[in-house]
Amino acid sequence: IVKTRNGILPRLDLFISLGKTGYADSFSGSFKAMKDSTYDLSFGINFSRTLGNRNTRAKDRGARITLKQAQEALNNMRQIIQRDVRIALNDLDRVRQQIDATRVTRMHQEEAMKAEKERFEAGTSTGLLVAQAQRDLLASHILEVEAIIDYNKVLVMLYLAEGSLLERRGVHMASFETESLP
């Protein structure tokens, strides 16, 4: 924008030239003439302004529009990142609650399994009911582990959304850039 804006402005040049020249009939004689005590001095001001200047004004407007588009794109990217972080935080909270729920379910299944074993040992239950209790306990273990895995996945998505994943994994861009240089 500064460059295109400067193209619209009028131009004012100040120049000063001080020199010494030698005039002679031959080239070698011109060097001898430079020993004289005469100097050439010229100075002046040059002012120019293009009338109309439509091309330069169009470039300036185009640059301003491009800047505005870039700013809007940047604001849009910020909003997308904020939304992604909020979604990841909500998912993280949801998965934490799911871990707590599956842990409680597993603890109840462990109690049910103990009770079913005690009934079996007392002779009031069957092997099938004990096997079903073991199956339910195993399923609750699996659900709890899956919830923990989901938590870790959502945590990685949060780190990715907030832009700290590589840093949290010990990867620093400065060290990466210096390693790749010969």
Protein backbone atom coordinates (compact mmCIF):
# COMPACT_ATOMS: atom_id res chain seq x y z
CA ILE A 1 0.00 0.00 0.00
CA VAL A 2 2.86 2.37 0.79
CA LYS A 3 4.37 1.69 -2.60
CA THR A 4 1.13 2.14 -4.51
CA ARG A 5 0.18 5.20 -2.41
CA ASN A 6 3.54 6.79 -3.21
CA GLY A 7 2.78 6.30 -6.90
CA ILE A 8 -0.23 8.60 -6.55
CA LEU A 9 1.71 11.41 -4.90
CA PRO A 10 3.49 14.08 -6.94
CA ARG A 11 7.23 13.71 -7.31
CA LEU A 12 9.74 16.35 -6.24
CA ASP A 13 13.42 15.71 -6.96
CA LEU A 14 16.29 17.93 -5.86
CA PHE A 15 19.58 17.42 -7.60
CA ILE A 16 23.08 18.88 -7.26
CA SER A 17 25.97 17.99 -9.49
CA LEU A 18 29.55 19.13 -8.96
CA GLY A 19 32.21 18.02 -11.33
CA LYS A 20 35.24 18.87 -13.31
CA THR A 21 35.56 18.28 -16.98
CA GLY A 22 38.26 18.86 -19.49
CA TYR A 23 37.59 19.88 -23.05
CA ALA A 24 40.19 19.46 -25.74
CA ASP A 25 40.63 18.47 -29.36
CA SER A 26 41.87 15.01 -28.40
CA PHE A 27 41.20 12.53 -25.65
CA SER A 28 44.62 12.81 -24.09
CA GLY A 29 44.35 16.59 -24.15
CA SER A 30 41.17 16.50 -22.10
CA PHE A 31 43.07 15.06 -19.12
CA LYS A 32 45.55 17.92 -19.28
CA ALA A 33 42.66 20.41 -19.34
CA MET A 34 41.33 19.03 -16.03
CA LYS A 35 44.23 20.69 -14.24
CA ASP A 36 42.49 24.03 -14.72
CA SER A 37 40.75 25.56 -11.71
CA THR A 38 37.30 25.49 -13.30
CA TYR A 39 34.50 23.35 -11.92
CA ASP A 40 31.07 22.59 -13.28
CA LEU A 41 28.19 23.03 -10.85
CA SER A 42 24.58 22.37 -11.66
CA PHE A 43 21.56 22.10 -9.38
CA GLY A 44 17.86 22.15 -9.71
CA ILE A 45 14.43 20.97 -8.71
CA ASN A 46 12.31 18.65 -10.78
CA PHE A 47 8.57 18.48 -9.99
CA SER A 48 6.30 16.06 -11.80
CA ARG A 49 2.70 14.99 -11.39
CA THR A 50 0.83 12.69 -13.70
CA LEU A 51 -2.55 14.00 -14.72
CA GLY A 52 -5.38 11.57 -14.20
CA ASN A 53 -3.08 8.82 -12.90
CA ARG A 54 -5.86 6.21 -13.23
CA ASN A 55 -3.52 3.23 -13.52
CA THR A 56 -1.67 4.10 -10.31
CA ARG A 57 -4.92 4.79 -8.45
CA ALA A 58 -6.30 1.42 -9.60
CA LYS A 59 -3.16 -0.34 -8.32
CA ASP A 60 -3.53 1.48 -5.00
CA ARG A 61 -7.20 0.45 -4.69
CA GLY A 62 -6.28 -3.12 -5.61
CA ALA A 63 -3.57 -3.20 -2.94
CA ARG A 64 -5.98 -1.85 -0.33
CA ILE A 65 -8.60 -4.45 -1.25
CA THR A 66 -5.99 -7.21 -1.08
CA LEU A 67 -4.93 -6.00 2.36
CA LYS A 68 -8.54 -5.98 3.55
CA GLN A 69 -9.07 -9.50 2.18
CA ALA A 70 -5.93 -10.71 3.96
CA GLN A 71 -7.10 -9.14 7.23
CA GLU A 72 -10.54 -10.75 6.87
CA ALA A 73 -8.94 -14.12 6.09
CA LEU A 74 -6.78 -13.76 9.20
CA ASN A 75 -9.83 -12.91 11.34
CA ASN A 76 -11.67 -15.88 9.84
CA MET A 77 -8.74 -18.15 10.66
CA ARG A 78 -8.72 -16.86 14.26
CA GLN A 79 -12.43 -17.61 14.60
CA ILE A 80 -11.97 -21.11 13.16
CA ILE A 81 -9.14 -21.80 15.61
CA GLN A 82 -11.19 -20.50 18.55
CA ARG A 83 -14.14 -22.65 17.47
CA ASP A 84 -11.94 -25.74 17.10
CA VAL A 85 -10.42 -25.17 20.55
CA ARG A 86 -13.87 -24.74 22.12
CA ILE A 87 -15.11 -27.92 20.43
CA ALA A 88 -12.03 -29.83 21.62
CA LEU A 89 -12.53 -28.54 25.18
CA ASN A 90 -16.18 -29.61 25.10
CA ASP A 91 -15.20 -33.04 23.78
CA LEU A 92 -12.54 -33.31 26.47
CA ASP A 93 -15.10 -32.57 29.18
CA ARG A 94 -17.54 -35.07 27.65
CA VAL A 95 -14.89 -37.81 27.51
CA ARG A 96 -13.84 -37.11 31.12
CA GLN A 97 -17.44 -37.66 32.19
CA GLN A 98 -17.55 -40.81 30.08
CA ILE A 99 -14.42 -42.13 31.84
CA ASP A 100 -16.05 -41.50 35.23
CA ALA A 101 -19.26 -43.22 34.12
CA THR A 102 -17.46 -46.29 32.76
CA ARG A 103 -15.34 -46.49 35.92
CA VAL A 104 -18.48 -46.54 38.07
CA THR A 105 -20.02 -49.17 35.77
CA ARG A 106 -16.89 -51.32 36.04
CA MET A 107 -16.92 -51.04 39.84
CA HIS A 108 -20.56 -52.15 39.92
CA GLN A 109 -19.75 -55.06 37.59
CA GLU A 110 -16.89 -56.09 39.90
CA GLU A 111 -19.31 -56.11 42.83
CA ALA A 112 -21.85 -58.06 40.78
CA MET A 113 -19.14 -60.56 39.82
CA LYS A 114 -18.07 -61.03 43.45
CA ALA A 115 -21.67 -61.52 44.51
CA GLU A 116 -22.30 -64.03 41.71
CA LYS A 117 -19.13 -66.01 42.68
CA GLU A 118 -20.24 -66.08 46.31
CA ARG A 119 -23.69 -67.35 45.27
CA PHE A 120 -22.05 -69.96 43.05
CA GLU A 121 -19.82 -71.14 45.91
CA ALA A 122 -22.87 -71.26 48.17
CA GLY A 123 -24.65 -73.34 45.52
CA THR A 124 -27.44 -70.87 44.73
CA SER A 125 -26.13 -69.81 41.28
CA THR A 126 -25.07 -71.51 38.09
CA GLY A 127 -21.85 -71.44 36.11
CA LEU A 128 -23.69 -69.69 33.28
CA LEU A 129 -24.59 -66.74 35.50
CA VAL A 130 -20.97 -66.51 36.70
CA ALA A 131 -19.76 -66.56 33.10
CA GLN A 132 -22.25 -63.82 32.19
CA ALA A 133 -21.03 -61.71 35.11
CA GLN A 134 -17.44 -62.25 33.94
CA ARG A 135 -18.46 -61.24 30.41
CA ASP A 136 -20.16 -58.08 31.69
CA LEU A 137 -17.11 -57.22 33.81
CA LEU A 138 -14.80 -57.68 30.83
CA ALA A 139 -17.08 -55.53 28.66
CA SER A 140 -17.05 -52.79 31.29
CA HIS A 141 -13.22 -52.97 31.44
CA ILE A 142 -13.08 -52.63 27.67
CA LEU A 143 -15.44 -49.64 27.70
CA GLU A 144 -13.35 -47.94 30.39
CA VAL A 145 -10.13 -48.45 28.43
CA GLU A 146 -11.82 -47.20 25.25
CA ALA A 147 -12.95 -44.08 27.12
CA ILE A 148 -9.36 -43.46 28.29
CA ILE A 149 -8.12 -43.92 24.71
CA ASP A 150 -10.79 -41.49 23.49
CA TYR A 151 -9.64 -39.02 26.15
CA ASN A 152 -6.07 -39.20 24.87
CA LYS A 153 -7.25 -38.76 21.28
CA VAL A 154 -9.33 -35.71 22.19
CA LEU A 155 -6.40 -34.30 24.18
CA VAL A 156 -4.20 -34.60 21.08
CA MET A 157 -6.92 -32.88 19.02
CA LEU A 158 -7.00 -30.06 21.57
CA TYR A 159 -3.24 -29.64 21.40
CA LEU A 160 -3.44 -29.68 17.63
CA ALA A 161 -6.23 -27.07 17.60
CA GLU A 162 -4.38 -24.74 19.95
CA GLY A 163 -1.10 -25.24 18.06
CA SER A 164 0.97 -26.69 20.90
CA LEU A 165 1.14 -30.35 19.84
CA LEU A 166 4.68 -30.30 18.45
CA GLU A 167 6.02 -28.27 21.36
CA ARG A 168 4.40 -30.64 23.87
CA ARG A 169 6.04 -33.55 22.05
CA GLY A 170 9.45 -31.89 22.30
CA VAL A 171 9.72 -30.79 18.67
CA HIS A 172 10.97 -27.20 18.38
CA MET A 173 11.07 -25.47 15.02
CA ALA A 174 14.36 -23.65 15.77
CA SER A 175 16.16 -26.93 16.42
CA PHE A 176 14.51 -28.51 13.38
CA GLU A 177 15.63 -25.66 11.09
CA THR A 178 19.24 -25.74 12.28
CA GLU A 179 19.43 -29.52 11.87
CA SER A 180 18.29 -29.36 8.26
CA LEU A 181 20.98 -26.85 7.28
CA PRO A 182 24.22 -28.30 5.86
